[in-house]
C-alpha cells in the first residue's frame, strides 16, 4: 500500500523530469531472515525452514536497505504501514489468490 501510494503521488503530481531515479523504502535496513521470520510468525501452520549451504550465492545479501530521502522530500511522502502490517497484507493477498486459484480443484 505504501509503494502504491508513492506511485500515485508521482502520477498525480506535475513532476515530469525524465530519467530521474528515486528509491521508495522505509529507510530501515531489514535482514532477509527477519522477513522470513515475520512471515512464519503470521502463518497458521508450522513450517520447517531448512538452510541448504549448497544453494548460497556470493551475490546473496544479508539485509535489504534503501534511502528514500530524495523521494520523501520531492513528494512529501512517508510510509504509513509497519513491516509487520505490510507482511500481513502480502500474506493475506497471497492467501486470497490461492483460494481463488484452488477453487474447484479439490
N, C-alpha and C. Protein backbone atom coordinates (compact mmCIF):
# COMPACT_ATOMS: atom_id res chain seq x y z
N UNK A 1 0.81 -1.19 0.00
CA UNK A 1 0.00 0.00 0.00
C UNK A 1 0.86 1.26 0.00
N UNK A 2 1.98 1.21 0.71
CA UNK A 2 2.85 2.38 0.74
C UNK A 2 3.47 2.66 -0.62
N UNK A 3 3.90 1.61 -1.31
CA UNK A 3 4.51 1.80 -2.63
C UNK A 3 3.45 2.29 -3.63
N UNK A 4 2.25 1.72 -3.55
CA UNK A 4 1.17 2.18 -4.44
C UNK A 4 0.86 3.65 -4.18
N UNK A 5 0.86 4.05 -2.93
CA UNK A 5 0.63 5.46 -2.58
C UNK A 5 1.75 6.34 -3.15
N UNK A 6 2.99 5.85 -3.07
CA UNK A 6 4.11 6.62 -3.62
C UNK A 6 3.97 6.77 -5.13
N UNK A 7 3.63 5.68 -5.82
CA UNK A 7 3.42 5.76 -7.27
C UNK A 7 2.30 6.74 -7.61
N UNK A 8 1.22 6.69 -6.85
CA UNK A 8 0.08 7.59 -7.09
C UNK A 8 0.50 9.05 -6.93
N UNK A 9 1.34 9.32 -5.96
CA UNK A 9 1.81 10.71 -5.76
C UNK A 9 2.57 11.21 -6.98
N UNK A 10 3.37 10.34 -7.58
CA UNK A 10 4.11 10.74 -8.79
C UNK A 10 3.14 10.99 -9.93
N UNK A 11 2.19 10.07 -10.12
CA UNK A 11 1.25 10.20 -11.23
C UNK A 11 0.35 11.42 -11.10
N UNK A 12 0.01 11.79 -9.87
CA UNK A 12 -0.88 12.93 -9.66
C UNK A 12 -0.14 14.27 -9.57
N UNK A 13 1.18 14.21 -9.59
CA UNK A 13 1.96 15.44 -9.48
C UNK A 13 2.20 16.05 -10.87
N UNK A 14 2.79 17.23 -10.86
CA UNK A 14 3.15 17.85 -12.13
C UNK A 14 4.62 17.59 -12.46
N UNK A 15 5.23 16.67 -11.74
CA UNK A 15 6.63 16.32 -11.96
C UNK A 15 6.78 15.57 -13.28
N UNK A 16 7.70 15.98 -14.11
CA UNK A 16 7.88 15.36 -15.42
C UNK A 16 9.36 15.27 -15.83
N UNK A 17 10.25 15.12 -14.89
CA UNK A 17 11.67 15.01 -15.19
C UNK A 17 11.97 13.62 -15.72
N UNK A 18 12.49 13.53 -16.91
CA UNK A 18 12.86 12.25 -17.49
C UNK A 18 14.19 11.76 -16.91
N UNK A 19 14.24 10.50 -16.59
CA UNK A 19 15.48 9.89 -16.14
C UNK A 19 15.80 10.06 -14.67
N UNK A 20 14.97 10.76 -13.93
CA UNK A 20 15.20 10.94 -12.50
C UNK A 20 14.96 9.61 -11.80
N UNK A 21 15.84 9.24 -10.90
CA UNK A 21 15.75 7.97 -10.18
C UNK A 21 15.43 8.24 -8.72
N UNK A 22 14.44 7.52 -8.20
CA UNK A 22 14.05 7.62 -6.79
C UNK A 22 13.99 6.23 -6.18
N UNK A 23 14.31 6.15 -4.90
CA UNK A 23 14.08 4.92 -4.13
C UNK A 23 12.84 5.13 -3.28
N UNK A 24 12.05 4.09 -3.18
CA UNK A 24 10.89 4.11 -2.30
C UNK A 24 11.13 3.02 -1.27
N UNK A 25 11.29 3.43 -0.02
CA UNK A 25 11.60 2.47 1.03
C UNK A 25 11.24 3.05 2.39
N UNK A 26 11.32 2.16 3.39
CA UNK A 26 11.07 2.62 4.76
C UNK A 26 12.26 3.41 5.28
N UNK A 27 13.43 3.14 4.72
CA UNK A 27 14.64 3.78 5.21
C UNK A 27 15.34 2.97 6.28
N UNK A 28 14.77 1.84 6.66
CA UNK A 28 15.36 0.97 7.68
C UNK A 28 15.93 -0.28 7.02
N UNK A 29 17.11 -0.68 7.45
CA UNK A 29 17.70 -1.92 6.95
C UNK A 29 16.93 -3.09 7.55
N UNK A 30 16.60 -4.06 6.70
CA UNK A 30 15.85 -5.23 7.16
C UNK A 30 16.60 -6.48 6.72
N UNK A 31 16.92 -7.34 7.67
CA UNK A 31 17.57 -8.60 7.33
C UNK A 31 16.58 -9.48 6.60
N UNK A 32 17.06 -10.15 5.58
CA UNK A 32 16.21 -11.08 4.83
C UNK A 32 15.64 -12.13 5.78
N UNK A 33 16.42 -12.57 6.71
CA UNK A 33 15.97 -13.55 7.72
C UNK A 33 14.79 -13.00 8.53
N UNK A 34 14.79 -11.69 8.79
CA UNK A 34 13.69 -11.07 9.53
C UNK A 34 12.39 -11.11 8.74
N UNK A 35 12.48 -10.96 7.42
CA UNK A 35 11.28 -11.07 6.58
C UNK A 35 10.71 -12.47 6.68
N UNK A 36 11.59 -13.47 6.57
CA UNK A 36 11.14 -14.86 6.68
C UNK A 36 10.52 -15.12 8.05
N UNK A 37 11.19 -14.71 9.11
CA UNK A 37 10.67 -14.94 10.45
C UNK A 37 9.34 -14.22 10.68
N UNK A 38 9.20 -13.04 10.11
CA UNK A 38 7.94 -12.31 10.22
C UNK A 38 6.79 -13.04 9.54
N UNK A 39 7.05 -13.57 8.36
CA UNK A 39 6.01 -14.34 7.65
C UNK A 39 5.69 -15.64 8.38
N UNK A 40 6.71 -16.30 8.91
CA UNK A 40 6.47 -17.54 9.66
C UNK A 40 5.62 -17.26 10.90
N UNK A 41 5.87 -16.15 11.56
CA UNK A 41 5.11 -15.79 12.76
C UNK A 41 3.64 -15.53 12.44
N UNK A 42 3.36 -15.06 11.24
CA UNK A 42 1.98 -14.77 10.82
C UNK A 42 1.26 -16.00 10.27
N UNK A 43 2.00 -17.06 10.03
CA UNK A 43 1.41 -18.25 9.43
C UNK A 43 0.56 -19.02 10.43
N UNK A 44 -0.47 -19.69 9.92
CA UNK A 44 -1.33 -20.54 10.75
C UNK A 44 -0.74 -21.95 10.88
N UNK A 45 0.32 -22.21 10.15
CA UNK A 45 0.90 -23.54 10.12
C UNK A 45 2.31 -23.53 10.69
N UNK A 46 2.76 -24.72 11.08
CA UNK A 46 4.14 -24.87 11.49
C UNK A 46 4.94 -25.20 10.23
N UNK A 47 5.91 -24.37 9.94
CA UNK A 47 6.69 -24.53 8.72
C UNK A 47 8.16 -24.69 9.11
N UNK A 48 8.74 -25.79 8.66
CA UNK A 48 10.16 -26.03 8.92
C UNK A 48 10.98 -25.34 7.83
N UNK A 49 11.99 -24.63 8.24
CA UNK A 49 12.88 -23.96 7.30
C UNK A 49 14.22 -24.68 7.36
N UNK A 50 14.66 -25.12 6.22
CA UNK A 50 15.94 -25.82 6.14
C UNK A 50 16.89 -25.00 5.27
N UNK A 51 18.05 -24.74 5.80
CA UNK A 51 19.07 -23.98 5.07
C UNK A 51 19.96 -24.96 4.32
N UNK A 52 20.10 -24.76 3.04
CA UNK A 52 20.97 -25.60 2.21
C UNK A 52 22.17 -24.77 1.79
N UNK A 53 23.31 -24.95 2.45
CA UNK A 53 24.50 -24.15 2.12
C UNK A 53 24.94 -24.28 0.66
N UNK A 54 24.60 -25.37 0.01
CA UNK A 54 24.97 -25.55 -1.39
C UNK A 54 24.26 -24.56 -2.30
N UNK A 55 23.17 -23.98 -1.80
CA UNK A 55 22.41 -23.02 -2.61
C UNK A 55 22.80 -21.58 -2.34
N UNK A 56 23.74 -21.35 -1.43
CA UNK A 56 24.22 -20.00 -1.16
C UNK A 56 24.90 -19.44 -2.42
N UNK A 57 24.70 -18.15 -2.63
CA UNK A 57 25.34 -17.47 -3.75
C UNK A 57 26.15 -16.31 -3.21
N UNK A 58 27.24 -16.03 -3.87
CA UNK A 58 28.07 -14.90 -3.42
C UNK A 58 27.32 -13.58 -3.56
N UNK A 59 26.29 -13.56 -4.41
CA UNK A 59 25.52 -12.33 -4.61
C UNK A 59 24.41 -12.15 -3.57
N UNK A 60 24.17 -13.15 -2.72
CA UNK A 60 23.15 -13.03 -1.68
C UNK A 60 23.54 -11.94 -0.70
N UNK A 61 22.57 -11.12 -0.32
CA UNK A 61 22.83 -10.05 0.64
C UNK A 61 22.15 -10.37 1.96
N UNK A 62 22.78 -10.06 3.09
CA UNK A 62 22.19 -10.39 4.38
C UNK A 62 21.04 -9.48 4.81
N UNK A 63 20.93 -8.31 4.20
CA UNK A 63 19.85 -7.40 4.53
C UNK A 63 19.53 -6.52 3.33
N UNK A 64 18.37 -5.90 3.40
CA UNK A 64 17.91 -5.02 2.33
C UNK A 64 17.70 -3.63 2.93
N UNK A 65 18.16 -2.61 2.23
CA UNK A 65 18.02 -1.25 2.73
C UNK A 65 17.86 -0.29 1.55
N UNK A 66 17.23 0.81 1.79
CA UNK A 66 17.07 1.83 0.76
C UNK A 66 16.99 3.20 1.40
N UNK A 67 17.37 4.20 0.66
CA UNK A 67 17.29 5.58 1.14
C UNK A 67 16.27 6.33 0.28
N UNK A 68 15.11 6.57 0.86
CA UNK A 68 14.05 7.25 0.11
C UNK A 68 13.97 8.74 0.44
N UNK A 69 15.03 9.29 1.02
CA UNK A 69 15.02 10.70 1.41
C UNK A 69 14.71 11.65 0.27
N UNK A 70 15.29 11.40 -0.89
CA UNK A 70 15.05 12.26 -2.05
C UNK A 70 13.58 12.22 -2.48
N UNK A 71 13.00 11.01 -2.49
CA UNK A 71 11.59 10.88 -2.86
C UNK A 71 10.69 11.53 -1.82
N UNK A 72 11.00 11.30 -0.54
CA UNK A 72 10.19 11.87 0.55
C UNK A 72 10.14 13.40 0.45
N UNK A 73 11.29 13.98 0.17
CA UNK A 73 11.35 15.45 0.07
C UNK A 73 10.60 15.95 -1.15
N UNK A 74 10.79 15.30 -2.29
CA UNK A 74 10.18 15.76 -3.54
C UNK A 74 8.67 15.60 -3.55
N UNK A 75 8.16 14.56 -2.89
CA UNK A 75 6.72 14.26 -2.98
C UNK A 75 6.01 14.30 -1.63
N UNK A 76 6.70 14.77 -0.60
CA UNK A 76 6.09 14.88 0.74
C UNK A 76 5.42 13.56 1.14
N UNK A 77 6.20 12.49 1.01
CA UNK A 77 5.69 11.13 1.25
C UNK A 77 6.44 10.49 2.41
N UNK A 78 5.76 9.62 3.12
CA UNK A 78 6.41 8.74 4.09
C UNK A 78 5.55 7.49 4.22
N UNK A 79 6.17 6.36 4.52
CA UNK A 79 5.40 5.12 4.66
C UNK A 79 4.45 5.21 5.85
N UNK A 80 3.28 4.60 5.69
CA UNK A 80 2.28 4.62 6.76
C UNK A 80 2.16 3.29 7.47
N UNK A 81 2.66 2.22 6.85
CA UNK A 81 2.46 0.88 7.40
C UNK A 81 3.77 0.31 7.92
N UNK A 82 3.68 -0.41 9.03
CA UNK A 82 4.87 -1.05 9.60
C UNK A 82 5.22 -2.28 8.76
N UNK A 83 6.40 -2.80 8.99
CA UNK A 83 6.83 -4.00 8.28
C UNK A 83 5.88 -5.15 8.59
N UNK A 84 5.46 -5.28 9.83
CA UNK A 84 4.54 -6.34 10.23
C UNK A 84 3.20 -6.21 9.49
N UNK A 85 2.68 -4.99 9.39
CA UNK A 85 1.43 -4.78 8.66
C UNK A 85 1.60 -5.10 7.17
N UNK A 86 2.73 -4.72 6.62
CA UNK A 86 2.99 -4.98 5.21
C UNK A 86 3.08 -6.48 4.94
N UNK A 87 3.78 -7.21 5.81
CA UNK A 87 3.87 -8.67 5.66
C UNK A 87 2.49 -9.31 5.78
N UNK A 88 1.68 -8.83 6.73
CA UNK A 88 0.33 -9.38 6.90
C UNK A 88 -0.51 -9.15 5.65
N UNK A 89 -0.43 -7.97 5.09
CA UNK A 89 -1.19 -7.66 3.87
C UNK A 89 -0.73 -8.54 2.70
N UNK A 90 0.59 -8.72 2.58
CA UNK A 90 1.12 -9.56 1.50
C UNK A 90 0.66 -11.00 1.67
N UNK A 91 0.71 -11.50 2.89
CA UNK A 91 0.27 -12.87 3.17
C UNK A 91 -1.23 -13.02 2.90
N UNK A 92 -2.03 -12.07 3.33
CA UNK A 92 -3.48 -12.11 3.08
C UNK A 92 -3.77 -12.11 1.59
N UNK A 93 -3.04 -11.31 0.83
CA UNK A 93 -3.23 -11.25 -0.61
C UNK A 93 -2.88 -12.59 -1.26
N UNK A 94 -1.78 -13.18 -0.85
CA UNK A 94 -1.39 -14.50 -1.39
C UNK A 94 -2.43 -15.56 -1.04
N UNK A 95 -2.92 -15.53 0.19
CA UNK A 95 -3.95 -16.50 0.60
C UNK A 95 -5.21 -16.34 -0.24
N UNK A 96 -5.62 -15.11 -0.48
CA UNK A 96 -6.83 -14.87 -1.28
C UNK A 96 -6.64 -15.36 -2.71
N UNK A 97 -5.48 -15.09 -3.29
CA UNK A 97 -5.22 -15.54 -4.66
C UNK A 97 -5.16 -17.06 -4.73
N UNK A 98 -4.57 -17.69 -3.72
CA UNK A 98 -4.50 -19.14 -3.69
C UNK A 98 -5.90 -19.74 -3.57
N UNK A 99 -6.73 -19.13 -2.72
CA UNK A 99 -8.11 -19.63 -2.52
C UNK A 99 -8.89 -19.57 -3.85
N UNK A 100 -8.74 -18.51 -4.58
CA UNK A 100 -9.43 -18.36 -5.87
C UNK A 100 -8.88 -19.38 -6.86
N UNK A 101 -7.57 -19.52 -6.91
CA UNK A 101 -6.94 -20.43 -7.87
C UNK A 101 -7.26 -21.90 -7.57
N UNK A 102 -7.44 -22.22 -6.30
CA UNK A 102 -7.66 -23.62 -5.94
C UNK A 102 -9.14 -24.02 -5.87
N UNK A 103 -10.06 -23.08 -6.08
CA UNK A 103 -11.49 -23.40 -6.06
C UNK A 103 -11.78 -24.43 -7.15
N UNK A 104 -12.49 -25.46 -6.74
CA UNK A 104 -12.89 -26.48 -7.71
C UNK A 104 -11.82 -27.49 -8.04
N UNK A 105 -10.63 -27.34 -7.47
CA UNK A 105 -9.56 -28.29 -7.75
C UNK A 105 -9.45 -29.38 -6.70
N UNK A 106 -10.28 -29.32 -5.67
CA UNK A 106 -10.22 -30.33 -4.60
C UNK A 106 -11.18 -31.44 -4.82
